[in-house]
Amino acid sequence: MSKPRIKLNNSGGATLVTTDGMQNVFSGLNTSSDPRTHNKYNFSKVVNYAELDALYRDGGVAAKIVDIPAEDATREWRKFNHDKNDLIEAVEKEFQVQQIFREAITYARL
């Protein structure tokens, strides 16, 4: 994997650009002598937060990638083996702790 590169803008700012790929100079893999160079995968598109947020809000695959692990992690909520477990569960239900944890996990995955 190659190192991230920094691309300078005309306005004086900088953008981090990552390129990902594998290269083998002995076999010619991913070099100009490789006969399969047109099939090469290059990741060089810089995606900013606004684009990722728009993908999530569209509700497609990106939203499922974010939402499903959060739902799986909080689906079966914890149980207590304590003499006051009913009180603890009632307080958690009152303050909606399970829903807050689900939202926190979702926001962390954005």
N, C-alpha and C. Protein backbone atom coordinates (compact mmCIF):
# COMPACT_ATOMS: atom_id res chain seq x y z
N MET A 1 0.85 -1.16 0.00
CA MET A 1 0.00 0.00 0.00
C MET A 1 0.90 1.22 0.00
N SER A 2 0.52 2.20 -0.79
CA SER A 2 1.34 3.40 -0.89
C SER A 2 0.97 4.41 0.19
N LYS A 3 1.87 5.36 0.40
CA LYS A 3 1.67 6.38 1.42
C LYS A 3 0.66 7.41 0.95
N PRO A 4 -0.05 8.05 1.87
CA PRO A 4 -0.94 9.14 1.49
C PRO A 4 -0.14 10.30 0.92
N ARG A 5 -0.69 10.96 -0.05
CA ARG A 5 -0.06 12.11 -0.67
C ARG A 5 -0.84 13.36 -0.30
N ILE A 6 -0.17 14.49 -0.29
CA ILE A 6 -0.83 15.77 -0.03
C ILE A 6 -0.84 16.55 -1.33
N LYS A 7 -2.02 16.97 -1.73
CA LYS A 7 -2.20 17.70 -2.97
C LYS A 7 -2.45 19.16 -2.61
N LEU A 8 -1.63 20.06 -3.14
CA LEU A 8 -1.77 21.48 -2.86
C LEU A 8 -2.76 22.11 -3.84
N ASN A 9 -3.63 22.96 -3.31
CA ASN A 9 -4.61 23.67 -4.14
C ASN A 9 -4.03 25.01 -4.57
N ASN A 10 -4.64 25.61 -5.58
CA ASN A 10 -4.22 26.93 -6.03
C ASN A 10 -4.50 28.00 -4.97
N SER A 11 -5.47 27.75 -4.10
CA SER A 11 -5.82 28.72 -3.07
C SER A 11 -4.90 28.65 -1.86
N GLY A 12 -3.91 27.79 -1.89
CA GLY A 12 -2.97 27.68 -0.79
C GLY A 12 -3.33 26.60 0.21
N GLY A 13 -4.47 25.93 0.03
CA GLY A 13 -4.87 24.86 0.94
C GLY A 13 -4.27 23.54 0.52
N ALA A 14 -4.47 22.55 1.34
CA ALA A 14 -3.94 21.22 1.05
C ALA A 14 -5.05 20.19 1.24
N THR A 15 -5.04 19.15 0.42
CA THR A 15 -6.00 18.07 0.49
C THR A 15 -5.23 16.76 0.59
N LEU A 16 -5.66 15.89 1.48
CA LEU A 16 -5.03 14.58 1.62
C LEU A 16 -5.61 13.65 0.58
N VAL A 17 -4.76 13.07 -0.23
CA VAL A 17 -5.18 12.14 -1.27
C VAL A 17 -4.51 10.81 -0.99
N THR A 18 -5.29 9.75 -0.90
CA THR A 18 -4.71 8.44 -0.69
C THR A 18 -4.82 7.65 -1.97
N THR A 19 -3.80 6.90 -2.25
CA THR A 19 -3.83 6.00 -3.40
C THR A 19 -3.56 4.62 -2.85
N ASP A 20 -4.31 3.68 -3.28
CA ASP A 20 -4.18 2.34 -2.77
C ASP A 20 -3.95 1.40 -3.93
N GLY A 21 -2.97 0.56 -3.87
CA GLY A 21 -2.72 -0.38 -4.93
C GLY A 21 -1.51 -1.23 -4.60
N MET A 22 -1.34 -2.31 -5.33
CA MET A 22 -0.22 -3.20 -5.13
C MET A 22 0.57 -3.23 -6.43
N GLN A 23 1.88 -3.29 -6.33
CA GLN A 23 2.72 -3.27 -7.51
C GLN A 23 3.83 -4.29 -7.34
N ASN A 24 4.08 -5.07 -8.40
CA ASN A 24 5.15 -6.05 -8.39
C ASN A 24 6.02 -5.79 -9.61
N VAL A 25 7.24 -5.32 -9.39
CA VAL A 25 8.10 -4.94 -10.51
C VAL A 25 8.65 -6.16 -11.24
N PHE A 26 8.73 -7.31 -10.60
CA PHE A 26 9.27 -8.50 -11.27
C PHE A 26 8.27 -9.10 -12.25
N SER A 27 7.01 -9.18 -11.88
CA SER A 27 6.01 -9.76 -12.78
C SER A 27 5.34 -8.70 -13.65
N GLY A 28 5.59 -7.42 -13.32
CA GLY A 28 4.96 -6.35 -14.09
C GLY A 28 3.56 -6.04 -13.61
N LEU A 29 3.16 -6.61 -12.47
CA LEU A 29 1.81 -6.39 -11.96
C LEU A 29 1.61 -4.92 -11.63
N ASN A 30 0.59 -4.33 -12.19
CA ASN A 30 0.21 -2.93 -11.99
C ASN A 30 1.29 -1.94 -12.43
N THR A 31 2.08 -2.31 -13.39
CA THR A 31 3.02 -1.38 -14.00
C THR A 31 2.59 -1.16 -15.45
N SER A 32 3.32 -0.35 -16.18
CA SER A 32 2.94 -0.08 -17.57
C SER A 32 3.11 -1.31 -18.46
N SER A 33 3.90 -2.31 -18.04
CA SER A 33 4.07 -3.51 -18.86
C SER A 33 3.05 -4.59 -18.55
N ASP A 34 2.20 -4.37 -17.59
CA ASP A 34 1.16 -5.34 -17.22
C ASP A 34 0.06 -5.32 -18.28
N PRO A 35 -0.28 -6.48 -18.86
CA PRO A 35 -1.34 -6.49 -19.88
C PRO A 35 -2.73 -6.21 -19.31
N ARG A 36 -2.85 -6.28 -18.00
CA ARG A 36 -4.16 -6.05 -17.39
C ARG A 36 -4.26 -4.67 -16.74
N THR A 37 -3.50 -3.70 -17.19
CA THR A 37 -3.50 -2.40 -16.54
C THR A 37 -4.84 -1.71 -16.65
N HIS A 38 -5.63 -2.01 -17.67
CA HIS A 38 -6.93 -1.38 -17.78
C HIS A 38 -7.91 -1.92 -16.73
N ASN A 39 -7.60 -3.02 -16.07
CA ASN A 39 -8.46 -3.58 -15.03
C ASN A 39 -8.04 -3.15 -13.63
N LYS A 40 -7.08 -2.27 -13.54
CA LYS A 40 -6.51 -1.88 -12.24
C LYS A 40 -7.51 -1.03 -11.45
N TYR A 41 -7.58 -1.28 -10.15
CA TYR A 41 -8.42 -0.49 -9.25
C TYR A 41 -7.55 0.58 -8.61
N ASN A 42 -7.98 1.80 -8.71
CA ASN A 42 -7.28 2.91 -8.07
C ASN A 42 -8.27 3.68 -7.22
N PHE A 43 -7.90 3.90 -5.98
CA PHE A 43 -8.71 4.71 -5.09
C PHE A 43 -8.01 6.04 -4.93
N SER A 44 -8.52 7.05 -5.60
CA SER A 44 -7.87 8.34 -5.49
C SER A 44 -8.89 9.47 -5.30
N LYS A 45 -10.17 9.13 -5.16
CA LYS A 45 -11.18 10.15 -4.98
C LYS A 45 -11.23 10.58 -3.52
N VAL A 46 -11.18 11.86 -3.31
CA VAL A 46 -11.28 12.41 -1.96
C VAL A 46 -12.76 12.67 -1.68
N VAL A 47 -13.26 12.09 -0.59
CA VAL A 47 -14.66 12.25 -0.22
C VAL A 47 -14.70 13.08 1.05
N ASN A 48 -15.45 14.17 1.03
CA ASN A 48 -15.52 15.01 2.21
C ASN A 48 -16.75 14.63 3.05
N TYR A 49 -16.89 15.25 4.21
CA TYR A 49 -17.95 14.90 5.15
C TYR A 49 -19.33 15.19 4.57
N ALA A 50 -19.46 16.26 3.80
CA ALA A 50 -20.77 16.61 3.23
C ALA A 50 -21.25 15.53 2.26
N GLU A 51 -20.35 14.98 1.46
CA GLU A 51 -20.73 13.90 0.54
C GLU A 51 -21.12 12.64 1.30
N LEU A 52 -20.37 12.31 2.35
CA LEU A 52 -20.72 11.14 3.16
C LEU A 52 -22.05 11.32 3.86
N ASP A 53 -22.31 12.52 4.35
CA ASP A 53 -23.58 12.81 5.01
C ASP A 53 -24.73 12.70 4.02
N ALA A 54 -24.53 13.17 2.79
CA ALA A 54 -25.56 13.06 1.77
C ALA A 54 -25.83 11.60 1.41
N LEU A 55 -24.78 10.79 1.34
CA LEU A 55 -24.96 9.36 1.07
C LEU A 55 -25.78 8.71 2.18
N TYR A 56 -25.48 9.07 3.43
CA TYR A 56 -26.21 8.49 4.56
C TYR A 56 -27.68 8.92 4.53
N ARG A 57 -27.93 10.18 4.26
CA ARG A 57 -29.31 10.69 4.29
C ARG A 57 -30.16 10.15 3.13
N ASP A 58 -29.51 9.71 2.05
CA ASP A 58 -30.27 9.10 0.95
C ASP A 58 -30.92 7.79 1.36
N GLY A 59 -30.39 7.16 2.40
CA GLY A 59 -31.02 5.97 2.96
C GLY A 59 -30.71 4.69 2.21
N GLY A 60 -29.68 4.67 1.42
CA GLY A 60 -29.33 3.48 0.68
C GLY A 60 -28.38 2.58 1.44
N VAL A 61 -27.42 2.05 0.72
CA VAL A 61 -26.47 1.12 1.30
C VAL A 61 -25.62 1.80 2.37
N ALA A 62 -25.26 3.06 2.15
CA ALA A 62 -24.43 3.77 3.14
C ALA A 62 -25.15 3.87 4.48
N ALA A 63 -26.44 4.13 4.46
CA ALA A 63 -27.20 4.21 5.72
C ALA A 63 -27.26 2.86 6.41
N LYS A 64 -27.38 1.79 5.64
CA LYS A 64 -27.42 0.46 6.24
C LYS A 64 -26.07 0.09 6.84
N ILE A 65 -24.98 0.51 6.19
CA ILE A 65 -23.64 0.24 6.72
C ILE A 65 -23.46 0.90 8.08
N VAL A 66 -24.06 2.06 8.26
CA VAL A 66 -23.94 2.79 9.52
C VAL A 66 -24.94 2.27 10.55
N ASP A 67 -26.18 2.05 10.15
CA ASP A 67 -27.26 1.75 11.09
C ASP A 67 -27.28 0.31 11.59
N ILE A 68 -27.03 -0.66 10.74
CA ILE A 68 -27.20 -2.06 11.12
C ILE A 68 -26.28 -2.48 12.26
N PRO A 69 -24.98 -2.15 12.26
CA PRO A 69 -24.16 -2.54 13.43
C PRO A 69 -24.62 -1.89 14.73
N ALA A 70 -25.11 -0.66 14.66
CA ALA A 70 -25.61 0.01 15.87
C ALA A 70 -26.87 -0.69 16.39
N GLU A 71 -27.74 -1.09 15.48
CA GLU A 71 -28.95 -1.81 15.89
C GLU A 71 -28.60 -3.18 16.45
N ASP A 72 -27.64 -3.87 15.83
CA ASP A 72 -27.23 -5.18 16.32
C ASP A 72 -26.60 -5.10 17.71
N ALA A 73 -25.84 -4.05 17.95
CA ALA A 73 -25.15 -3.91 19.23
C ALA A 73 -26.10 -3.61 20.37
N THR A 74 -27.25 -3.01 20.08
CA THR A 74 -28.18 -2.60 21.15
C THR A 74 -29.51 -3.35 21.10
N ARG A 75 -29.64 -4.35 20.26
CA ARG A 75 -30.92 -5.06 20.14
C ARG A 75 -31.28 -5.78 21.43
N GLU A 76 -30.40 -6.64 21.91
CA GLU A 76 -30.64 -7.35 23.17
C GLU A 76 -29.93 -6.56 24.25
N TRP A 77 -30.72 -5.88 25.05
CA TRP A 77 -30.14 -4.99 26.05
C TRP A 77 -29.67 -5.79 27.24
N ARG A 78 -28.87 -5.21 28.07
CA ARG A 78 -28.23 -5.91 29.17
C ARG A 78 -29.21 -6.28 30.28
N LYS A 79 -28.86 -7.31 31.02
CA LYS A 79 -29.64 -7.78 32.18
C LYS A 79 -28.76 -7.69 33.42
N PHE A 80 -29.38 -7.39 34.55
CA PHE A 80 -28.65 -7.26 35.81
C PHE A 80 -29.02 -8.39 36.74
N ASN A 81 -28.03 -8.88 37.45
CA ASN A 81 -28.25 -9.85 38.53
C ASN A 81 -27.97 -9.12 39.84
N HIS A 82 -28.95 -8.37 40.24
CA HIS A 82 -28.79 -7.54 41.44
C HIS A 82 -30.15 -7.48 42.12
N ASP A 83 -30.16 -7.22 43.41
CA ASP A 83 -31.43 -7.17 44.11
C ASP A 83 -32.26 -5.94 43.72
N LYS A 84 -31.64 -4.95 43.07
CA LYS A 84 -32.37 -3.76 42.64
C LYS A 84 -32.42 -3.66 41.10
N ASN A 85 -32.41 -4.81 40.45
CA ASN A 85 -32.39 -4.77 38.98
C ASN A 85 -33.66 -4.15 38.39
N ASP A 86 -34.80 -4.30 39.05
CA ASP A 86 -36.03 -3.68 38.55
C ASP A 86 -35.92 -2.15 38.58
N LEU A 87 -35.32 -1.63 39.62
CA LEU A 87 -35.13 -0.18 39.73
C LEU A 87 -34.16 0.32 38.65
N ILE A 88 -33.08 -0.40 38.44
CA ILE A 88 -32.10 -0.01 37.42
C ILE A 88 -32.73 -0.03 36.03
N GLU A 89 -33.48 -1.08 35.72
CA GLU A 89 -34.14 -1.18 34.41
C GLU A 89 -35.18 -0.08 34.23
N ALA A 90 -35.90 0.26 35.29
CA ALA A 90 -36.90 1.33 35.20
C ALA A 90 -36.24 2.69 34.94
N VAL A 91 -35.13 2.94 35.60
CA VAL A 91 -34.42 4.21 35.39
C VAL A 91 -33.84 4.26 33.97
N GLU A 92 -33.29 3.14 33.51
CA GLU A 92 -32.77 3.11 32.14
C GLU A 92 -33.88 3.34 31.11
N LYS A 93 -35.04 2.78 31.38
CA LYS A 93 -36.17 2.98 30.46
C LYS A 93 -36.66 4.42 30.50
N GLU A 94 -36.66 5.01 31.70
CA GLU A 94 -37.11 6.40 31.84
C GLU A 94 -36.18 7.36 31.09
N PHE A 95 -34.87 7.13 31.19
CA PHE A 95 -33.92 8.01 30.53
C PHE A 95 -33.55 7.55 29.11
N GLN A 96 -34.17 6.49 28.63
CA GLN A 96 -33.99 5.96 27.28
C GLN A 96 -32.52 5.68 26.97
N VAL A 97 -31.86 4.98 27.86
CA VAL A 97 -30.43 4.72 27.74
C VAL A 97 -30.13 3.87 26.51
N GLN A 98 -30.97 2.88 26.22
CA GLN A 98 -30.73 2.02 25.06
C GLN A 98 -30.78 2.81 23.76
N GLN A 99 -31.75 3.70 23.61
CA GLN A 99 -31.86 4.52 22.40
C GLN A 99 -30.70 5.50 22.29
N ILE A 100 -30.27 6.05 23.43
CA ILE A 100 -29.15 6.99 23.41
C ILE A 100 -27.86 6.29 22.99
N PHE A 101 -27.65 5.06 23.48
CA PHE A 101 -26.47 4.31 23.06
C PHE A 101 -26.53 3.98 21.58
N ARG A 102 -27.70 3.62 21.07
CA ARG A 102 -27.85 3.34 19.64
C ARG A 102 -27.51 4.57 18.80
N GLU A 103 -28.01 5.74 19.22
CA GLU A 103 -27.70 6.96 18.49
C GLU A 103 -26.21 7.31 18.57
N ALA A 104 -25.59 7.08 19.72
CA ALA A 104 -24.17 7.37 19.88
C ALA A 104 -23.32 6.48 18.96
N ILE A 105 -23.68 5.22 18.88
CA ILE A 105 -22.95 4.31 17.99
C ILE A 105 -23.15 4.73 16.54
N THR A 106 -24.37 5.12 16.20
CA THR A 106 -24.66 5.55 14.82
C THR A 106 -23.85 6.79 14.47
N TYR A 107 -23.84 7.79 15.34
CA TYR A 107 -23.08 9.01 15.07
C TYR A 107 -21.57 8.73 15.01
N ALA A 108 -21.10 7.78 15.81
CA ALA A 108 -19.68 7.45 15.79
C ALA A 108 -19.29 6.79 14.48
N ARG A 109 -20.21 6.08 13.84
CA ARG A 109 -19.89 5.40 12.59
C ARG A 109 -20.04 6.29 11.36
N LEU A 110 -20.58 7.49 11.51
CA LEU A 110 -20.74 8.38 10.36
C LEU A 110 -19.43 8.85 9.82
